[in-house]
Amino acid sequence: MDGSLVHLDGYIRDSGILKEKETLIAELGKVTVMVGELDMAGRSFCTEDTIVVCINRGDVRKTVVIHELVHVLQHITRNGLDSRYPMFAEVMTDILTNAVYPNNNVFQLSAYRDYNPSVLNCVGVFREKAIEAFFYGHDVLHDVVPEDEWHLFLYTIEAEVRSPDSPYYENCYNRLISKWLDRMDRMD
């Protein structure tokens, strides 16, 4: 897997968030990576018995493999991918991919990189809890932010990625981030 698993292995071992690290590493070791003709850079397929990562023949890069392996890691930790808010999952996966393997080559930018600041603001507010929510379910945040506000935030990320020219999500997003920053400042 072109050393991608080595990078992810290091991230898992160094993580203060991920639990049962040896099990996660063992499960990732069972992943099959295949190269073929796809209409996208990469894709992960997870069933109860098999986990396969497919990479487009024209896009075999370490960042693509790691991105797909982060999806697999979320699948393992959550017992399934976050299908309710796929754009948030993609952007957070992109951010974590960059944490696992920092890559600033302009020719290898992710399709989600333009949206990273929106989710990074969330990580800035909730810190490790935001990453824990990605891996173990959004309910880990509900002790610091009401569930309805969190789902509204996730919806704004979906709207931003799917309709970037829409003016409606931005106001809602900015109000939520400001509110949460104020709340977290008072909690510190």
N, C-alpha and C. Protein backbone atom coordinates (compact mmCIF):
# COMPACT_ATOMS: atom_id res chain seq x y z
N MET A 1 0.84 -1.20 0.00
CA MET A 1 0.00 0.00 0.00
C MET A 1 0.87 1.25 0.00
N ASP A 2 1.99 1.19 -0.60
CA ASP A 2 2.92 2.29 -0.82
C ASP A 2 3.30 3.06 0.45
N GLY A 3 3.34 2.39 1.58
CA GLY A 3 3.71 3.04 2.83
C GLY A 3 2.58 3.79 3.51
N SER A 4 1.41 3.84 2.89
CA SER A 4 0.29 4.58 3.46
C SER A 4 -0.13 4.02 4.81
N LEU A 5 -0.11 2.71 4.93
CA LEU A 5 -0.51 2.08 6.18
C LEU A 5 0.48 2.41 7.30
N VAL A 6 1.74 2.57 6.97
CA VAL A 6 2.76 2.94 7.96
C VAL A 6 2.43 4.31 8.55
N HIS A 7 2.05 5.26 7.69
CA HIS A 7 1.69 6.60 8.16
C HIS A 7 0.46 6.55 9.06
N LEU A 8 -0.56 5.79 8.65
CA LEU A 8 -1.78 5.69 9.44
C LEU A 8 -1.53 4.95 10.75
N ASP A 9 -0.68 3.94 10.71
CA ASP A 9 -0.30 3.20 11.91
C ASP A 9 0.31 4.17 12.94
N GLY A 10 1.20 5.05 12.49
CA GLY A 10 1.81 6.04 13.39
C GLY A 10 0.78 6.99 13.97
N TYR A 11 -0.17 7.42 13.14
CA TYR A 11 -1.23 8.31 13.61
C TYR A 11 -2.06 7.62 14.70
N ILE A 12 -2.42 6.38 14.47
CA ILE A 12 -3.23 5.64 15.44
C ILE A 12 -2.46 5.49 16.75
N ARG A 13 -1.21 5.09 16.68
CA ARG A 13 -0.40 4.88 17.89
C ARG A 13 -0.22 6.18 18.69
N ASP A 14 -0.09 7.31 17.99
CA ASP A 14 0.11 8.60 18.66
C ASP A 14 -1.18 9.25 19.13
N SER A 15 -2.32 8.74 18.69
CA SER A 15 -3.60 9.37 18.98
C SER A 15 -3.99 9.20 20.45
N GLY A 16 -4.47 10.29 21.02
CA GLY A 16 -5.05 10.24 22.36
C GLY A 16 -6.55 10.00 22.30
N ILE A 17 -7.08 9.91 21.10
CA ILE A 17 -8.53 9.77 20.89
C ILE A 17 -8.91 8.34 20.57
N LEU A 18 -8.15 7.71 19.68
CA LEU A 18 -8.50 6.38 19.21
C LEU A 18 -8.29 5.34 20.31
N LYS A 19 -9.24 4.41 20.40
CA LYS A 19 -9.22 3.36 21.42
C LYS A 19 -8.93 2.02 20.75
N GLU A 20 -8.49 1.07 21.54
CA GLU A 20 -8.21 -0.28 21.04
C GLU A 20 -7.31 -0.23 19.81
N LYS A 21 -6.19 0.44 19.98
CA LYS A 21 -5.30 0.74 18.86
C LYS A 21 -4.79 -0.51 18.13
N GLU A 22 -4.42 -1.53 18.87
CA GLU A 22 -3.91 -2.74 18.22
C GLU A 22 -4.98 -3.40 17.36
N THR A 23 -6.22 -3.36 17.83
CA THR A 23 -7.33 -3.92 17.04
C THR A 23 -7.53 -3.11 15.76
N LEU A 24 -7.48 -1.77 15.88
CA LEU A 24 -7.64 -0.92 14.69
C LEU A 24 -6.54 -1.20 13.67
N ILE A 25 -5.31 -1.29 14.15
CA ILE A 25 -4.18 -1.55 13.26
C ILE A 25 -4.33 -2.92 12.59
N ALA A 26 -4.76 -3.92 13.36
CA ALA A 26 -4.95 -5.26 12.80
C ALA A 26 -6.05 -5.25 11.74
N GLU A 27 -7.15 -4.56 12.01
CA GLU A 27 -8.25 -4.49 11.05
C GLU A 27 -7.81 -3.78 9.76
N LEU A 28 -7.05 -2.70 9.90
CA LEU A 28 -6.55 -2.00 8.71
C LEU A 28 -5.59 -2.88 7.91
N GLY A 29 -4.89 -3.76 8.60
CA GLY A 29 -3.98 -4.68 7.92
C GLY A 29 -4.70 -5.68 7.03
N LYS A 30 -5.99 -5.86 7.24
CA LYS A 30 -6.80 -6.79 6.43
C LYS A 30 -7.36 -6.15 5.16
N VAL A 31 -7.16 -4.85 5.01
CA VAL A 31 -7.73 -4.12 3.87
C VAL A 31 -7.04 -4.54 2.58
N THR A 32 -7.83 -4.74 1.55
CA THR A 32 -7.32 -5.03 0.21
C THR A 32 -7.37 -3.73 -0.59
N VAL A 33 -6.25 -3.38 -1.22
CA VAL A 33 -6.20 -2.20 -2.09
C VAL A 33 -6.09 -2.68 -3.52
N MET A 34 -6.99 -2.18 -4.36
CA MET A 34 -7.00 -2.55 -5.77
C MET A 34 -6.90 -1.29 -6.62
N VAL A 35 -6.28 -1.41 -7.76
CA VAL A 35 -6.14 -0.30 -8.70
C VAL A 35 -6.92 -0.65 -9.95
N GLY A 36 -7.69 0.31 -10.47
CA GLY A 36 -8.49 0.07 -11.66
C GLY A 36 -8.98 1.36 -12.26
N GLU A 37 -9.90 1.25 -13.17
CA GLU A 37 -10.49 2.41 -13.83
C GLU A 37 -11.73 2.84 -13.06
N LEU A 38 -11.66 3.97 -12.39
CA LEU A 38 -12.79 4.53 -11.64
C LEU A 38 -13.08 5.92 -12.16
N ASP A 39 -14.26 6.40 -11.89
CA ASP A 39 -14.61 7.77 -12.29
C ASP A 39 -14.30 8.77 -11.18
N MET A 40 -13.51 8.36 -10.19
CA MET A 40 -13.09 9.22 -9.08
C MET A 40 -11.71 8.75 -8.64
N ALA A 41 -11.09 9.52 -7.74
CA ALA A 41 -9.74 9.17 -7.30
C ALA A 41 -9.71 7.84 -6.55
N GLY A 42 -10.61 7.68 -5.60
CA GLY A 42 -10.63 6.45 -4.82
C GLY A 42 -12.00 6.20 -4.23
N ARG A 43 -12.18 4.98 -3.75
CA ARG A 43 -13.47 4.59 -3.18
C ARG A 43 -13.23 3.44 -2.22
N SER A 44 -13.92 3.45 -1.09
CA SER A 44 -13.83 2.35 -0.12
C SER A 44 -15.13 1.57 -0.14
N PHE A 45 -15.01 0.27 -0.07
CA PHE A 45 -16.17 -0.60 0.02
C PHE A 45 -16.01 -1.46 1.26
N CYS A 46 -16.95 -1.37 2.17
CA CYS A 46 -16.87 -2.11 3.41
C CYS A 46 -18.11 -2.98 3.57
N THR A 47 -17.90 -4.27 3.74
CA THR A 47 -18.99 -5.18 4.07
C THR A 47 -18.64 -5.81 5.42
N GLU A 48 -19.46 -6.70 5.89
CA GLU A 48 -19.16 -7.35 7.16
C GLU A 48 -17.88 -8.18 7.09
N ASP A 49 -17.60 -8.75 5.93
CA ASP A 49 -16.47 -9.66 5.79
C ASP A 49 -15.25 -9.05 5.12
N THR A 50 -15.44 -8.05 4.28
CA THR A 50 -14.37 -7.57 3.43
C THR A 50 -14.31 -6.05 3.43
N ILE A 51 -13.10 -5.55 3.38
CA ILE A 51 -12.89 -4.12 3.19
C ILE A 51 -11.95 -3.97 2.00
N VAL A 52 -12.42 -3.27 0.98
CA VAL A 52 -11.64 -3.07 -0.23
C VAL A 52 -11.55 -1.58 -0.52
N VAL A 53 -10.35 -1.13 -0.81
CA VAL A 53 -10.12 0.23 -1.25
C VAL A 53 -9.75 0.16 -2.72
N CYS A 54 -10.49 0.89 -3.54
CA CYS A 54 -10.22 0.92 -4.98
C CYS A 54 -9.66 2.29 -5.34
N ILE A 55 -8.57 2.32 -6.04
CA ILE A 55 -7.89 3.55 -6.42
C ILE A 55 -7.86 3.62 -7.94
N ASN A 56 -8.19 4.80 -8.47
CA ASN A 56 -8.15 5.02 -9.91
C ASN A 56 -6.71 4.88 -10.39
N ARG A 57 -6.55 4.14 -11.46
CA ARG A 57 -5.22 3.90 -12.03
C ARG A 57 -4.46 5.21 -12.28
N GLY A 58 -5.17 6.25 -12.68
CA GLY A 58 -4.53 7.53 -12.96
C GLY A 58 -4.35 8.40 -11.73
N ASP A 59 -4.69 7.91 -10.55
CA ASP A 59 -4.64 8.72 -9.35
C ASP A 59 -4.03 7.97 -8.17
N VAL A 60 -3.09 7.09 -8.46
CA VAL A 60 -2.45 6.31 -7.39
C VAL A 60 -1.45 7.22 -6.68
N ARG A 61 -1.90 7.79 -5.59
CA ARG A 61 -1.06 8.66 -4.77
C ARG A 61 -1.25 8.27 -3.31
N LYS A 62 -0.22 8.51 -2.53
CA LYS A 62 -0.28 8.18 -1.11
C LYS A 62 -1.45 8.89 -0.43
N THR A 63 -1.70 10.15 -0.79
CA THR A 63 -2.78 10.89 -0.15
C THR A 63 -4.15 10.26 -0.45
N VAL A 64 -4.33 9.74 -1.65
CA VAL A 64 -5.61 9.11 -2.01
C VAL A 64 -5.79 7.82 -1.20
N VAL A 65 -4.74 7.03 -1.12
CA VAL A 65 -4.83 5.78 -0.36
C VAL A 65 -5.10 6.08 1.11
N ILE A 66 -4.38 7.03 1.69
CA ILE A 66 -4.59 7.38 3.10
C ILE A 66 -6.00 7.91 3.31
N HIS A 67 -6.48 8.76 2.41
CA HIS A 67 -7.85 9.28 2.52
C HIS A 67 -8.84 8.12 2.62
N GLU A 68 -8.70 7.16 1.74
CA GLU A 68 -9.62 6.02 1.76
C GLU A 68 -9.43 5.18 3.02
N LEU A 69 -8.20 5.05 3.49
CA LEU A 69 -7.96 4.29 4.72
C LEU A 69 -8.55 5.01 5.95
N VAL A 70 -8.58 6.33 5.94
CA VAL A 70 -9.23 7.07 7.03
C VAL A 70 -10.74 6.78 7.00
N HIS A 71 -11.34 6.71 5.81
CA HIS A 71 -12.74 6.30 5.71
C HIS A 71 -12.93 4.91 6.33
N VAL A 72 -12.02 4.01 6.01
CA VAL A 72 -12.11 2.65 6.55
C VAL A 72 -11.97 2.69 8.07
N LEU A 73 -11.06 3.49 8.57
CA LEU A 73 -10.88 3.62 10.02
C LEU A 73 -12.16 4.11 10.68
N GLN A 74 -12.82 5.10 10.07
CA GLN A 74 -14.10 5.56 10.61
C GLN A 74 -15.13 4.42 10.55
N HIS A 75 -15.14 3.69 9.48
CA HIS A 75 -16.06 2.56 9.35
C HIS A 75 -15.84 1.56 10.51
N ILE A 76 -14.58 1.30 10.83
CA ILE A 76 -14.26 0.35 11.90
C ILE A 76 -14.67 0.92 13.27
N THR A 77 -14.33 2.17 13.54
CA THR A 77 -14.61 2.74 14.87
C THR A 77 -16.09 2.99 15.10
N ARG A 78 -16.83 3.29 14.03
CA ARG A 78 -18.26 3.59 14.18
C ARG A 78 -19.16 2.44 13.77
N ASN A 79 -18.54 1.37 13.34
CA ASN A 79 -19.31 0.24 12.81
C ASN A 79 -20.18 0.69 11.64
N GLY A 80 -19.58 1.45 10.76
CA GLY A 80 -20.26 1.97 9.57
C GLY A 80 -19.89 3.41 9.32
N LEU A 81 -19.96 3.83 8.08
CA LEU A 81 -19.62 5.21 7.72
C LEU A 81 -20.76 6.16 8.08
N ASP A 82 -20.41 7.43 8.22
CA ASP A 82 -21.40 8.46 8.49
C ASP A 82 -22.10 8.81 7.18
N SER A 83 -23.19 8.15 6.89
CA SER A 83 -23.87 8.38 5.63
C SER A 83 -24.88 9.52 5.71
N ARG A 84 -25.19 9.98 6.91
CA ARG A 84 -26.17 11.06 7.04
C ARG A 84 -25.58 12.40 6.59
N TYR A 85 -24.31 12.61 6.89
CA TYR A 85 -23.64 13.87 6.51
C TYR A 85 -22.34 13.55 5.76
N PRO A 86 -22.46 13.08 4.52
CA PRO A 86 -21.27 12.61 3.79
C PRO A 86 -20.26 13.71 3.48
N MET A 87 -20.70 14.95 3.29
CA MET A 87 -19.74 15.99 2.96
C MET A 87 -18.88 16.35 4.18
N PHE A 88 -19.49 16.39 5.36
CA PHE A 88 -18.70 16.60 6.57
C PHE A 88 -17.69 15.47 6.72
N ALA A 89 -18.13 14.23 6.48
CA ALA A 89 -17.23 13.08 6.58
C ALA A 89 -16.08 13.21 5.57
N GLU A 90 -16.37 13.65 4.36
CA GLU A 90 -15.31 13.81 3.35
C GLU A 90 -14.31 14.89 3.75
N VAL A 91 -14.82 16.02 4.21
CA VAL A 91 -13.93 17.13 4.57
C VAL A 91 -13.10 16.76 5.80
N MET A 92 -13.72 16.15 6.81
CA MET A 92 -12.96 15.75 7.99
C MET A 92 -11.94 14.67 7.62
N THR A 93 -12.30 13.77 6.72
CA THR A 93 -11.35 12.76 6.24
C THR A 93 -10.17 13.43 5.55
N ASP A 94 -10.45 14.47 4.77
CA ASP A 94 -9.40 15.22 4.10
C ASP A 94 -8.45 15.86 5.13
N ILE A 95 -9.02 16.45 6.17
CA ILE A 95 -8.22 17.09 7.22
C ILE A 95 -7.36 16.05 7.94
N LEU A 96 -7.95 14.91 8.27
CA LEU A 96 -7.20 13.87 8.96
C LEU A 96 -6.14 13.26 8.05
N THR A 97 -6.44 13.17 6.76
CA THR A 97 -5.43 12.69 5.79
C THR A 97 -4.22 13.60 5.82
N ASN A 98 -4.46 14.89 5.88
CA ASN A 98 -3.35 15.85 5.94
C ASN A 98 -2.60 15.75 7.26
N ALA A 99 -3.29 15.40 8.33
CA ALA A 99 -2.61 15.21 9.62
C ALA A 99 -1.74 13.95 9.59
N VAL A 100 -2.23 12.90 8.92
CA VAL A 100 -1.49 11.65 8.82
C VAL A 100 -0.30 11.80 7.88
N TYR A 101 -0.51 12.49 6.78
CA TYR A 101 0.53 12.65 5.76
C TYR A 101 0.45 14.06 5.18
N PRO A 102 1.11 15.02 5.85
CA PRO A 102 1.05 16.40 5.35
C PRO A 102 1.60 16.47 3.93
N ASN A 103 0.78 17.02 3.04
CA ASN A 103 1.16 17.08 1.63
C ASN A 103 0.67 18.40 1.07
N ASN A 104 1.57 19.27 0.74
CA ASN A 104 1.19 20.59 0.24
C ASN A 104 1.47 20.77 -1.24
N ASN A 105 1.63 19.67 -1.95
CA ASN A 105 1.88 19.73 -3.38
C ASN A 105 0.61 20.24 -4.08
N VAL A 106 0.70 21.37 -4.73
CA VAL A 106 -0.46 21.99 -5.36
C VAL A 106 -1.11 21.09 -6.41
N PHE A 107 -0.35 20.18 -6.98
CA PHE A 107 -0.90 19.29 -8.00
C PHE A 107 -1.66 18.11 -7.40
N GLN A 108 -1.60 17.98 -6.09
CA GLN A 108 -2.26 16.87 -5.43
C GLN A 108 -3.35 17.34 -4.47
N LEU A 109 -3.93 18.47 -4.74
CA LEU A 109 -4.98 18.98 -3.86
C LEU A 109 -6.22 18.12 -3.93
N SER A 110 -6.86 17.97 -2.80
CA SER A 110 -8.10 17.22 -2.73
C SER A 110 -9.25 18.07 -3.25
N ALA A 111 -10.28 17.41 -3.70
CA ALA A 111 -11.49 18.11 -4.15
C ALA A 111 -12.18 18.81 -2.99
N TYR A 112 -11.88 18.43 -1.77
CA TYR A 112 -12.54 18.99 -0.59
C TYR A 112 -11.71 20.07 0.11
N ARG A 113 -10.50 20.29 -0.34
CA ARG A 113 -9.59 21.19 0.36
C ARG A 113 -10.17 22.60 0.54
N ASP A 114 -10.95 23.10 -0.41
CA ASP A 114 -11.54 24.44 -0.28
C ASP A 114 -12.50 24.55 0.90
N TYR A 115 -13.00 23.42 1.36
CA TYR A 115 -13.98 23.41 2.46
C TYR A 115 -13.34 23.08 3.81
N ASN A 116 -12.05 22.77 3.80
CA ASN A 116 -11.36 22.44 5.05
C ASN A 116 -11.48 23.52 6.11
N PRO A 117 -11.36 24.82 5.77
CA PRO A 117 -11.46 25.84 6.83
C PRO A 117 -12.77 25.79 7.61
N SER A 118 -13.86 25.47 6.96
CA SER A 118 -15.15 25.41 7.65
C SER A 118 -15.16 24.33 8.73
N VAL A 119 -14.60 23.19 8.42
CA VAL A 119 -14.56 22.11 9.41
C VAL A 119 -13.42 22.33 10.40
N LEU A 120 -12.32 22.92 9.94
CA LEU A 120 -11.22 23.24 10.87
C LEU A 120 -11.68 24.21 11.95
N ASN A 121 -12.60 25.12 11.63
CA ASN A 121 -13.15 26.01 12.66
C ASN A 121 -13.84 25.19 13.75
N CYS A 122 -14.56 24.18 13.34
CA CYS A 122 -15.23 23.29 14.28
C CYS A 122 -14.19 22.59 15.16
N VAL A 123 -13.11 22.11 14.56
CA VAL A 123 -12.04 21.46 15.32
C VAL A 123 -11.40 22.48 16.26
N GLY A 124 -11.28 23.73 15.80
CA GLY A 124 -10.73 24.77 16.66
C GLY A 124 -11.59 25.04 17.87
N VAL A 125 -12.88 24.95 17.71
CA VAL A 125 -13.80 25.19 18.82
C VAL A 125 -13.84 23.99 19.77
N PHE A 126 -14.03 22.80 19.23
CA PHE A 126 -14.26 21.62 20.07
C PHE A 126 -13.02 20.75 20.27
N ARG A 127 -11.94 21.12 19.61
CA ARG A 127 -10.65 20.45 19.74
C ARG A 127 -10.78 18.94 19.49
N GLU A 128 -10.18 18.14 20.38
CA GLU A 128 -10.18 16.69 20.16
C GLU A 128 -11.57 16.09 20.14
N LYS A 129 -12.52 16.73 20.81
CA LYS A 129 -13.89 16.20 20.83
C LYS A 129 -14.48 16.14 19.41
N ALA A 130 -14.10 17.08 18.55
CA ALA A 130 -14.60 17.07 17.16
C ALA A 130 -14.08 15.84 16.42
N ILE A 131 -12.82 15.50 16.65
CA ILE A 131 -12.24 14.32 16.00
C ILE A 131 -12.83 13.06 16.62
N GLU A 132 -13.03 13.06 17.93
CA GLU A 132 -13.67 11.93 18.59
C GLU A 132 -15.09 11.72 18.03
N ALA A 133 -15.80 12.81 17.78
CA ALA A 133 -17.15 12.71 17.21
C ALA A 133 -17.10 12.09 15.82
N PHE A 134 -16.09 12.41 15.05
CA PHE A 134 -15.93 11.82 13.72
C PHE A 134 -15.75 10.31 13.82
N PHE A 135 -14.91 9.87 14.74
CA PHE A 135 -14.61 8.45 14.85
C PHE A 135 -15.62 7.65 15.67
N TYR A 136 -16.25 8.28 16.65
CA TYR A 136 -17.09 7.49 17.56
C TYR A 136 -18.54 7.95 17.62
N GLY A 137 -18.93 8.89 16.80
CA GLY A 137 -20.33 9.31 16.75
C GLY A 137 -20.50 10.71 17.30
N HIS A 138 -21.40 11.44 16.66
CA HIS A 138 -21.60 12.85 16.99
C HIS A 138 -22.15 13.08 18.39
N ASP A 139 -22.73 12.05 18.98
CA ASP A 139 -23.31 12.23 20.31
C ASP A 139 -22.27 12.54 21.37
N VAL A 140 -20.98 12.31 21.11
CA VAL A 140 -19.96 12.66 22.11
C VAL A 140 -19.87 14.17 22.31
N LEU A 141 -20.42 14.93 21.37
CA LEU A 141 -20.40 16.39 21.49
C LEU A 141 -21.63 16.95 22.20
N HIS A 142 -22.64 16.14 22.38
CA HIS A 142 -23.91 16.67 22.88
C HIS A 142 -23.85 17.15 24.32
N ASP A 143 -22.77 16.88 25.03
CA ASP A 143 -22.63 17.46 26.36
C ASP A 143 -22.10 18.89 26.32
N VAL A 144 -21.57 19.32 25.16
CA VAL A 144 -21.07 20.69 25.02
C VAL A 144 -21.85 21.52 24.01
N VAL A 145 -22.63 20.87 23.16
CA VAL A 145 -23.45 21.59 22.18
C VAL A 145 -24.76 20.81 22.00
N PRO A 146 -25.87 21.51 21.99
CA PRO A 146 -27.15 20.81 21.80
C PRO A 146 -27.18 20.05 20.47
N GLU A 147 -27.83 18.92 20.49
CA GLU A 147 -27.89 18.06 19.32
C GLU A 147 -28.43 18.78 18.09
N ASP A 148 -29.49 19.58 18.27
CA ASP A 148 -30.07 20.27 17.12
C ASP A 148 -29.11 21.28 16.51
N GLU A 149 -28.33 21.96 17.35
CA GLU A 149 -27.32 22.91 16.82
C GLU A 149 -26.24 22.17 16.05
N TRP A 150 -25.80 21.04 16.59
CA TRP A 150 -24.77 20.26 15.91
C TRP A 150 -25.25 19.77 14.55
N HIS A 151 -26.48 19.28 14.49
CA HIS A 151 -27.01 18.81 13.20
C HIS A 151 -27.20 19.97 12.23
N LEU A 152 -27.56 21.14 12.74
CA LEU A 152 -27.66 22.32 11.87
C LEU A 152 -26.28 22.66 11.30
N PHE A 153 -25.25 22.58 12.13
CA PHE A 153 -23.89 22.83 11.66
C PHE A 153 -23.52 21.83 10.56
N LEU A 154 -23.79 20.55 10.79
CA LEU A 154 -23.47 19.53 9.78
C LEU A 154 -24.23 19.79 8.49
N TYR A 155 -25.47 20.24 8.62
CA TYR A 155 -26.26 20.56 7.44
C TYR A 155 -25.64 21.75 6.68
N THR A 156 -25.09 22.73 7.40
CA THR A 156 -24.47 23.87 6.71
C THR A 156 -23.24 23.42 5.92
N ILE A 157 -22.51 22.45 6.43
CA ILE A 157 -21.36 21.92 5.69
C ILE A 157 -21.85 21.21 4.43
N GLU A 158 -22.91 20.42 4.55
CA GLU A 158 -23.48 19.77 3.37
C GLU A 158 -23.87 20.83 2.33
N ALA A 159 -24.54 21.89 2.79
CA ALA A 159 -24.99 22.95 1.87
C ALA A 159 -23.81 23.67 1.23
N GLU A 160 -22.78 23.94 2.02
CA GLU A 160 -21.62 24.65 1.49
C GLU A 160 -20.94 23.86 0.37
N VAL A 161 -20.77 22.57 0.57
CA VAL A 161 -20.08 21.75 -0.43
C VAL A 161 -20.96 21.52 -1.65
N ARG A 162 -22.23 21.27 -1.42
CA ARG A 162 -23.13 20.95 -2.54
C ARG A 162 -23.60 22.18 -3.31
N SER A 163 -23.71 23.32 -2.65
CA SER A 163 -24.18 24.57 -3.29
C SER A 163 -23.31 25.73 -2.81
N PRO A 164 -22.05 25.76 -3.23
CA PRO A 164 -21.13 26.77 -2.69
C PRO A 164 -21.52 28.22 -2.99
N ASP A 165 -22.37 28.46 -3.96
CA ASP A 165 -22.77 29.84 -4.28
C ASP A 165 -24.01 30.29 -3.53
N SER A 166 -24.58 29.40 -2.73
CA SER A 166 -25.79 29.76 -1.98
C SER A 166 -25.44 30.66 -0.80
N PRO A 167 -26.13 31.79 -0.65
CA PRO A 167 -25.80 32.72 0.43
C PRO A 167 -26.40 32.32 1.78
N TYR A 168 -27.24 31.31 1.81
CA TYR A 168 -28.01 31.03 3.02
C TYR A 168 -27.24 30.30 4.11
N TYR A 169 -26.37 29.40 3.73
CA TYR A 169 -25.68 28.62 4.74
C TYR A 169 -24.66 29.46 5.51
N GLU A 170 -24.06 30.43 4.86
CA GLU A 170 -22.96 31.19 5.46
C GLU A 170 -23.37 31.92 6.73
N ASN A 171 -24.52 32.58 6.72
CA ASN A 171 -24.98 33.30 7.90
C ASN A 171 -25.23 32.35 9.06
N CYS A 172 -25.86 31.24 8.78
CA CYS A 172 -26.14 30.24 9.81
C CYS A 172 -24.83 29.68 10.37
N TYR A 173 -23.92 29.34 9.49
CA TYR A 173 -22.62 28.80 9.89
C TYR A 173 -21.89 29.78 10.80
N ASN A 174 -21.81 31.05 10.37
CA ASN A 174 -21.08 32.05 11.15
C ASN A 174 -21.70 32.26 12.53
N ARG A 175 -23.01 32.26 12.61
CA ARG A 175 -23.68 32.43 13.90
C ARG A 175 -23.39 31.26 14.84
N LEU A 176 -23.41 30.05 14.30
CA LEU A 176 -23.13 28.88 15.13
C LEU A 176 -21.70 28.91 15.67
N ILE A 177 -20.74 29.14 14.79
CA ILE A 177 -19.33 29.17 15.21
C ILE A 177 -19.13 30.26 16.26
N SER A 178 -19.68 31.45 16.04
CA SER A 178 -19.54 32.54 17.01
C SER A 178 -20.16 32.17 18.35
N LYS A 179 -21.33 31.59 18.31
CA LYS A 179 -22.02 31.17 19.54
C LYS A 179 -21.18 30.14 20.30
N TRP A 180 -20.65 29.16 19.58
CA TRP A 180 -19.87 28.11 20.23
C TRP A 180 -18.56 28.64 20.77
N LEU A 181 -17.92 29.54 20.04
CA LEU A 181 -16.68 30.14 20.55
C LEU A 181 -16.95 30.87 21.86
N ASP A 182 -18.02 31.63 21.88
CA ASP A 182 -18.38 32.36 23.10
C ASP A 182 -18.66 31.38 24.24
N ARG A 183 -19.40 30.33 23.96
CA ARG A 183 -19.73 29.32 24.97
C ARG A 183 -18.47 28.65 25.50
N MET A 184 -17.57 28.28 24.61
CA MET A 184 -16.34 27.58 25.02
C MET A 184 -15.43 28.51 25.82
N ASP A 185 -15.40 29.80 25.44
CA ASP A 185 -14.60 30.77 26.20
C ASP A 185 -15.09 30.87 27.64
N ARG A 186 -16.40 30.84 27.81
CA ARG A 186 -16.96 30.92 29.16
C ARG A 186 -16.72 29.65 29.95
N MET A 187 -16.57 28.53 29.26
CA MET A 187 -16.34 27.25 29.95
C MET A 187 -14.89 27.11 30.40
N ASP A 188 -13.97 27.78 29.72
CA ASP A 188 -12.53 27.65 30.06
C ASP A 188 -12.16 28.35 31.32
